[in-house]
Amino acid sequence: METFVNKDGKTVNRTRCEIYTRVMGYYRPVTQFNRGKKSEFYSRTYFDESRNASKDAGIVTREA
């Protein structure tokens, strides 16, 4: 646990949140990645189905 002093001057205890991602069929914590893999993980873009799906026919469209 890490201890911080917030802007009100109160001491706050916090626990680091572990981020897991799926790699090759299993989940692995990002903290165990090497420098290159971490960089690749943080530069990923995520697919937003609601933004890309056509409402009338269910056709996936590509936005320019």
PDB file of N, CA and C in Angstrom:
ATOM      1  N   MET A   1       0.835  -1.178   0.000  1.00  0.00           N
ATOM      2  CA  MET A   1       0.000   0.000   0.000  1.00  0.00           C
ATOM      3  C   MET A   1       0.880   1.242   0.000  1.00  0.00           C
ATOM      4  N   GLU A   2       0.422   2.256  -0.699  1.00  0.00           N
ATOM      5  CA  GLU A   2       1.141   3.518  -0.740  1.00  0.00           C
ATOM      6  C   GLU A   2       0.345   4.566   0.016  1.00  0.00           C
ATOM      7  N   THR A   3       1.054   5.481   0.658  1.00  0.00           N
ATOM      8  CA  THR A   3       0.409   6.531   1.430  1.00  0.00           C
ATOM      9  C   THR A   3       0.614   7.865   0.728  1.00  0.00           C
ATOM     10  N   PHE A   4      -0.476   8.637   0.590  1.00  0.00           N
ATOM     11  CA  PHE A   4      -0.434   9.944  -0.042  1.00  0.00           C
ATOM     12  C   PHE A   4      -1.092  10.960   0.875  1.00  0.00           C
ATOM     13  N   VAL A   5      -0.741  12.223   0.679  1.00  0.00           N
ATOM     14  CA  VAL A   5      -1.425  13.312   1.365  1.00  0.00           C
ATOM     15  C   VAL A   5      -2.232  14.039   0.304  1.00  0.00           C
ATOM     16  N   ASN A   6      -3.559  14.083   0.476  1.00  0.00           N
ATOM     17  CA  ASN A   6      -4.399  14.736  -0.528  1.00  0.00           C
ATOM     18  C   ASN A   6      -4.390  16.247  -0.339  1.00  0.00           C
ATOM     19  N   LYS A   7      -5.117  16.975  -1.194  1.00  0.00           N
ATOM     20  CA  LYS A   7      -5.073  18.437  -1.156  1.00  0.00           C
ATOM     21  C   LYS A   7      -5.690  19.030   0.111  1.00  0.00           C
ATOM     22  N   ASP A   8      -6.484  18.234   0.838  1.00  0.00           N
ATOM     23  CA  ASP A   8      -7.056  18.692   2.107  1.00  0.00           C
ATOM     24  C   ASP A   8      -6.106  18.459   3.278  1.00  0.00           C
ATOM     25  N   GLY A   9      -4.965  17.839   3.020  1.00  0.00           N
ATOM     26  CA  GLY A   9      -3.991  17.565   4.060  1.00  0.00           C
ATOM     27  C   GLY A   9      -4.207  16.251   4.781  1.00  0.00           C
ATOM     28  N   LYS A  10      -5.154  15.442   4.309  1.00  0.00           N
ATOM     29  CA  LYS A  10      -5.436  14.153   4.937  1.00  0.00           C
ATOM     30  C   LYS A  10      -4.559  13.065   4.324  1.00  0.00           C
ATOM     31  N   THR A  11      -4.125  12.129   5.159  1.00  0.00           N
ATOM     32  CA  THR A  11      -3.332  10.998   4.688  1.00  0.00           C
ATOM     33  C   THR A  11      -4.268   9.928   4.149  1.00  0.00           C
ATOM     34  N   VAL A  12      -3.960   9.443   2.954  1.00  0.00           N
ATOM     35  CA  VAL A  12      -4.812   8.464   2.287  1.00  0.00           C
ATOM     36  C   VAL A  12      -3.965   7.250   1.918  1.00  0.00           C
ATOM     37  N   ASN A  13      -4.458   6.051   2.231  1.00  0.00           N
ATOM     38  CA  ASN A  13      -3.789   4.817   1.829  1.00  0.00           C
ATOM     39  C   ASN A  13      -4.394   4.322   0.528  1.00  0.00           C
ATOM     40  N   ARG A  14      -3.546   3.971  -0.416  1.00  0.00           N
ATOM     41  CA  ARG A  14      -4.023   3.480  -1.701  1.00  0.00           C
ATOM     42  C   ARG A  14      -3.299   2.197  -2.073  1.00  0.00           C
ATOM     43  N   THR A  15      -4.007   1.360  -2.815  1.00  0.00           N
ATOM     44  CA  THR A  15      -3.439   0.117  -3.324  1.00  0.00           C
ATOM     45  C   THR A  15      -3.355   0.217  -4.835  1.00  0.00           C
ATOM     46  N   ARG A  16      -2.232  -0.186  -5.392  1.00  0.00           N
ATOM     47  CA  ARG A  16      -2.047  -0.127  -6.837  1.00  0.00           C
ATOM     48  C   ARG A  16      -3.023  -1.077  -7.530  1.00  0.00           C
ATOM     49  N   CYS A  17      -3.649  -0.605  -8.584  1.00  0.00           N
ATOM     50  CA  CYS A  17      -4.600  -1.398  -9.360  1.00  0.00           C
ATOM     51  C   CYS A  17      -3.842  -2.155 -10.450  1.00  0.00           C
ATOM     52  N   GLU A  18      -3.992  -3.440 -10.497  1.00  0.00           N
ATOM     53  CA  GLU A  18      -3.314  -4.273 -11.491  1.00  0.00           C
ATOM     54  C   GLU A  18      -4.159  -4.353 -12.757  1.00  0.00           C
ATOM     55  N   ILE A  19      -3.546  -4.116 -13.907  1.00  0.00           N
ATOM     56  CA  ILE A  19      -4.229  -4.191 -15.198  1.00  0.00           C
ATOM     57  C   ILE A  19      -3.850  -5.509 -15.858  1.00  0.00           C
ATOM     58  N   TYR A  20      -4.866  -6.276 -16.266  1.00  0.00           N
ATOM     59  CA  TYR A  20      -4.647  -7.540 -16.959  1.00  0.00           C
ATOM     60  C   TYR A  20      -5.116  -7.413 -18.397  1.00  0.00           C
ATOM     61  N   THR A  21      -4.457  -8.118 -19.292  1.00  0.00           N
ATOM     62  CA  THR A  21      -4.877  -8.158 -20.682  1.00  0.00           C
ATOM     63  C   THR A  21      -4.745  -9.587 -21.189  1.00  0.00           C
ATOM     64  N   ARG A  22      -5.501  -9.902 -22.200  1.00  0.00           N
ATOM     65  CA  ARG A  22      -5.487 -11.263 -22.748  1.00  0.00           C
ATOM     66  C   ARG A  22      -4.401 -11.361 -23.810  1.00  0.00           C
ATOM     67  N   VAL A  23      -3.486 -12.293 -23.612  1.00  0.00           N
ATOM     68  CA  VAL A  23      -2.385 -12.509 -24.544  1.00  0.00           C
ATOM     69  C   VAL A  23      -2.316 -13.989 -24.868  1.00  0.00           C
ATOM     70  N   MET A  24      -2.452 -14.320 -26.137  1.00  0.00           N
ATOM     71  CA  MET A  24      -2.317 -15.702 -26.606  1.00  0.00           C
ATOM     72  C   MET A  24      -3.227 -16.667 -25.842  1.00  0.00           C
ATOM     73  N   GLY A  25      -4.458 -16.243 -25.535  1.00  0.00           N
ATOM     74  CA  GLY A  25      -5.430 -17.130 -24.924  1.00  0.00           C
ATOM     75  C   GLY A  25      -5.451 -17.161 -23.411  1.00  0.00           C
ATOM     76  N   TYR A  26      -4.597 -16.396 -22.753  1.00  0.00           N
ATOM     77  CA  TYR A  26      -4.645 -16.357 -21.293  1.00  0.00           C
ATOM     78  C   TYR A  26      -4.434 -14.921 -20.824  1.00  0.00           C
ATOM     79  N   TYR A  27      -4.811 -14.622 -19.587  1.00  0.00           N
ATOM     80  CA  TYR A  27      -4.694 -13.277 -19.040  1.00  0.00           C
ATOM     81  C   TYR A  27      -3.369 -13.118 -18.315  1.00  0.00           C
ATOM     82  N   ARG A  28      -2.758 -11.954 -18.505  1.00  0.00           N
ATOM     83  CA  ARG A  28      -1.452 -11.695 -17.927  1.00  0.00           C
ATOM     84  C   ARG A  28      -1.383 -10.239 -17.457  1.00  0.00           C
ATOM     85  N   PRO A  29      -0.772  -9.967 -16.304  1.00  0.00           N
ATOM     86  CA  PRO A  29      -0.674  -8.580 -15.838  1.00  0.00           C
ATOM     87  C   PRO A  29       0.288  -7.767 -16.708  1.00  0.00           C
ATOM     88  N   VAL A  30      -0.091  -6.538 -16.982  1.00  0.00           N
ATOM     89  CA  VAL A  30       0.717  -5.665 -17.834  1.00  0.00           C
ATOM     90  C   VAL A  30       2.055  -5.343 -17.171  1.00  0.00           C
ATOM     91  N   THR A  31       2.113  -5.363 -15.850  1.00  0.00           N
ATOM     92  CA  THR A  31       3.371  -5.059 -15.153  1.00  0.00           C
ATOM     93  C   THR A  31       4.467  -6.071 -15.469  1.00  0.00           C
ATOM     94  N   GLN A  32       4.103  -7.255 -15.946  1.00  0.00           N
ATOM     95  CA  GLN A  32       5.099  -8.272 -16.279  1.00  0.00           C
ATOM     96  C   GLN A  32       5.583  -8.173 -17.726  1.00  0.00           C
ATOM     97  N   PHE A  33       5.038  -7.230 -18.496  1.00  0.00           N
ATOM     98  CA  PHE A  33       5.462  -7.056 -19.885  1.00  0.00           C
ATOM     99  C   PHE A  33       6.830  -6.381 -19.941  1.00  0.00           C
ATOM    100  N   ASN A  34       7.564  -6.654 -21.023  1.00  0.00           N
ATOM    101  CA  ASN A  34       8.803  -5.925 -21.240  1.00  0.00           C
ATOM    102  C   ASN A  34       8.473  -4.532 -21.785  1.00  0.00           C
ATOM    103  N   ARG A  35       9.470  -3.678 -21.933  1.00  0.00           N
ATOM    104  CA  ARG A  35       9.261  -2.289 -22.327  1.00  0.00           C
ATOM    105  C   ARG A  35       8.538  -2.161 -23.671  1.00  0.00           C
ATOM    106  N   GLY A  36       8.907  -2.968 -24.650  1.00  0.00           N
ATOM    107  CA  GLY A  36       8.285  -2.911 -25.969  1.00  0.00           C
ATOM    108  C   GLY A  36       6.832  -3.343 -25.954  1.00  0.00           C
ATOM    109  N   LYS A  37       6.535  -4.396 -25.227  1.00  0.00           N
ATOM    110  CA  LYS A  37       5.160  -4.902 -25.142  1.00  0.00           C
ATOM    111  C   LYS A  37       4.262  -3.910 -24.392  1.00  0.00           C
ATOM    112  N   LYS A  38       4.786  -3.257 -23.343  1.00  0.00           N
ATOM    113  CA  LYS A  38       4.016  -2.237 -22.629  1.00  0.00           C
ATOM    114  C   LYS A  38       3.682  -1.078 -23.556  1.00  0.00           C
ATOM    115  N   SER A  39       4.654  -0.654 -24.346  1.00  0.00           N
ATOM    116  CA  SER A  39       4.430   0.443 -25.285  1.00  0.00           C
ATOM    117  C   SER A  39       3.349   0.075 -26.288  1.00  0.00           C
ATOM    118  N   GLU A  40       3.400  -1.145 -26.795  1.00  0.00           N
ATOM    119  CA  GLU A  40       2.393  -1.628 -27.739  1.00  0.00           C
ATOM    120  C   GLU A  40       1.010  -1.674 -27.080  1.00  0.00           C
ATOM    121  N   PHE A  41       0.936  -2.115 -25.846  1.00  0.00           N
ATOM    122  CA  PHE A  41      -0.341  -2.198 -25.130  1.00  0.00           C
ATOM    123  C   PHE A  41      -0.978  -0.819 -24.966  1.00  0.00           C
ATOM    124  N   TYR A  42      -0.191   0.176 -24.558  1.00  0.00           N
ATOM    125  CA  TYR A  42      -0.746   1.504 -24.307  1.00  0.00           C
ATOM    126  C   TYR A  42      -1.062   2.265 -25.589  1.00  0.00           C
ATOM    127  N   SER A  43      -0.533   1.851 -26.727  1.00  0.00           N
ATOM    128  CA  SER A  43      -0.840   2.537 -27.989  1.00  0.00           C
ATOM    129  C   SER A  43      -1.970   1.858 -28.761  1.00  0.00           C
ATOM    130  N   ARG A  44      -2.585   0.825 -28.203  1.00  0.00           N
ATOM    131  CA  ARG A  44      -3.690   0.128 -28.873  1.00  0.00           C
ATOM    132  C   ARG A  44      -4.900   1.035 -29.052  1.00  0.00           C
ATOM    133  N   THR A  45      -5.639   0.773 -30.132  1.00  0.00           N
ATOM    134  CA  THR A  45      -6.933   1.426 -30.315  1.00  0.00           C
ATOM    135  C   THR A  45      -7.994   0.349 -30.190  1.00  0.00           C
ATOM    136  N   TYR A  46      -9.127   0.710 -29.655  1.00  0.00           N
ATOM    137  CA  TYR A  46     -10.179  -0.261 -29.391  1.00  0.00           C
ATOM    138  C   TYR A  46     -11.348  -0.051 -30.332  1.00  0.00           C
ATOM    139  N   PHE A  47     -11.948  -1.129 -30.761  1.00  0.00           N
ATOM    140  CA  PHE A  47     -13.076  -1.124 -31.673  1.00  0.00           C
ATOM    141  C   PHE A  47     -14.334  -0.696 -30.928  1.00  0.00           C
ATOM    142  N   ASP A  48     -15.066   0.261 -31.502  1.00  0.00           N
ATOM    143  CA  ASP A  48     -16.328   0.731 -30.929  1.00  0.00           C
ATOM    144  C   ASP A  48     -17.451   0.310 -31.859  1.00  0.00           C
ATOM    145  N   GLU A  49     -18.116  -0.782 -31.512  1.00  0.00           N
ATOM    146  CA  GLU A  49     -19.150  -1.354 -32.375  1.00  0.00           C
ATOM    147  C   GLU A  49     -20.298  -0.383 -32.621  1.00  0.00           C
ATOM    148  N   SER A  50     -20.714   0.346 -31.608  1.00  0.00           N
ATOM    149  CA  SER A  50     -21.851   1.256 -31.764  1.00  0.00           C
ATOM    150  C   SER A  50     -21.540   2.386 -32.739  1.00  0.00           C
ATOM    151  N   ARG A  51     -20.303   2.764 -32.855  1.00  0.00           N
ATOM    152  CA  ARG A  51     -19.921   3.834 -33.770  1.00  0.00           C
ATOM    153  C   ARG A  51     -19.781   3.341 -35.202  1.00  0.00           C
ATOM    154  N   ASN A  52     -19.490   2.061 -35.390  1.00  0.00           N
ATOM    155  CA  ASN A  52     -19.177   1.538 -36.711  1.00  0.00           C
ATOM    156  C   ASN A  52     -20.282   0.720 -37.356  1.00  0.00           C
ATOM    157  N   ALA A  53     -21.305   0.344 -36.630  1.00  0.00           N
ATOM    158  CA  ALA A  53     -22.353  -0.517 -37.182  1.00  0.00           C
ATOM    159  C   ALA A  53     -23.463   0.312 -37.816  1.00  0.00           C
ATOM    160  N   SER A  54     -23.941  -0.154 -38.970  1.00  0.00           N
ATOM    161  CA  SER A  54     -25.074   0.488 -39.631  1.00  0.00           C
ATOM    162  C   SER A  54     -26.347   0.051 -38.923  1.00  0.00           C
ATOM    163  N   LYS A  55     -27.247   0.983 -38.620  1.00  0.00           N
ATOM    164  CA  LYS A  55     -28.442   0.671 -37.843  1.00  0.00           C
ATOM    165  C   LYS A  55     -29.486  -0.088 -38.649  1.00  0.00           C
ATOM    166  N   ASP A  56     -29.588   0.176 -39.956  1.00  0.00           N
ATOM    167  CA  ASP A  56     -30.680  -0.424 -40.716  1.00  0.00           C
ATOM    168  C   ASP A  56     -30.409  -1.845 -41.191  1.00  0.00           C
ATOM    169  N   ALA A  57     -29.204  -2.207 -41.566  1.00  0.00           N
ATOM    170  CA  ALA A  57     -28.964  -3.530 -42.127  1.00  0.00           C
ATOM    171  C   ALA A  57     -27.939  -4.340 -41.348  1.00  0.00           C
ATOM    172  N   GLY A  58     -27.379  -3.772 -40.313  1.00  0.00           N
ATOM    173  CA  GLY A  58     -26.359  -4.484 -39.555  1.00  0.00           C
ATOM    174  C   GLY A  58     -25.042  -4.591 -40.299  1.00  0.00           C
ATOM    175  N   ILE A  59     -24.820  -3.692 -41.261  1.00  0.00           N
ATOM    176  CA  ILE A  59     -23.607  -3.720 -42.069  1.00  0.00           C
ATOM    177  C   ILE A  59     -22.546  -2.862 -41.388  1.00  0.00           C
ATOM    178  N   VAL A  60     -21.352  -3.405 -41.292  1.00  0.00           N
ATOM    179  CA  VAL A  60     -20.249  -2.651 -40.706  1.00  0.00           C
ATOM    180  C   VAL A  60     -19.690  -1.737 -41.780  1.00  0.00           C
ATOM    181  N   THR A  61     -19.617  -0.444 -41.471  1.00  0.00           N
ATOM    182  CA  THR A  61     -19.105   0.532 -42.430  1.00  0.00           C
ATOM    183  C   THR A  61     -17.770   1.061 -41.961  1.00  0.00           C
ATOM    184  N   ARG A  62     -17.031   1.603 -42.870  1.00  0.00           N
ATOM    185  CA  ARG A  62     -15.723   2.148 -42.557  1.00  0.00           C
ATOM    186  C   ARG A  62     -15.787   3.663 -42.670  1.00  0.00           C
ATOM    187  N   GLU A  63     -15.404   4.351 -41.605  1.00  0.00           N
ATOM    188  CA  GLU A  63     -15.421   5.812 -41.621  1.00  0.00           C
ATOM    189  C   GLU A  63     -14.080   6.327 -42.099  1.00  0.00           C
ATOM    190  N   ALA A  64     -14.107   7.408 -42.863  1.00  0.00           N
ATOM    191  CA  ALA A  64     -12.862   7.987 -43.386  1.00  0.00           C
ATOM    192  C   ALA A  64     -12.285   8.972 -42.409  1.00  0.00           C
TER     193      ALA A  64
END
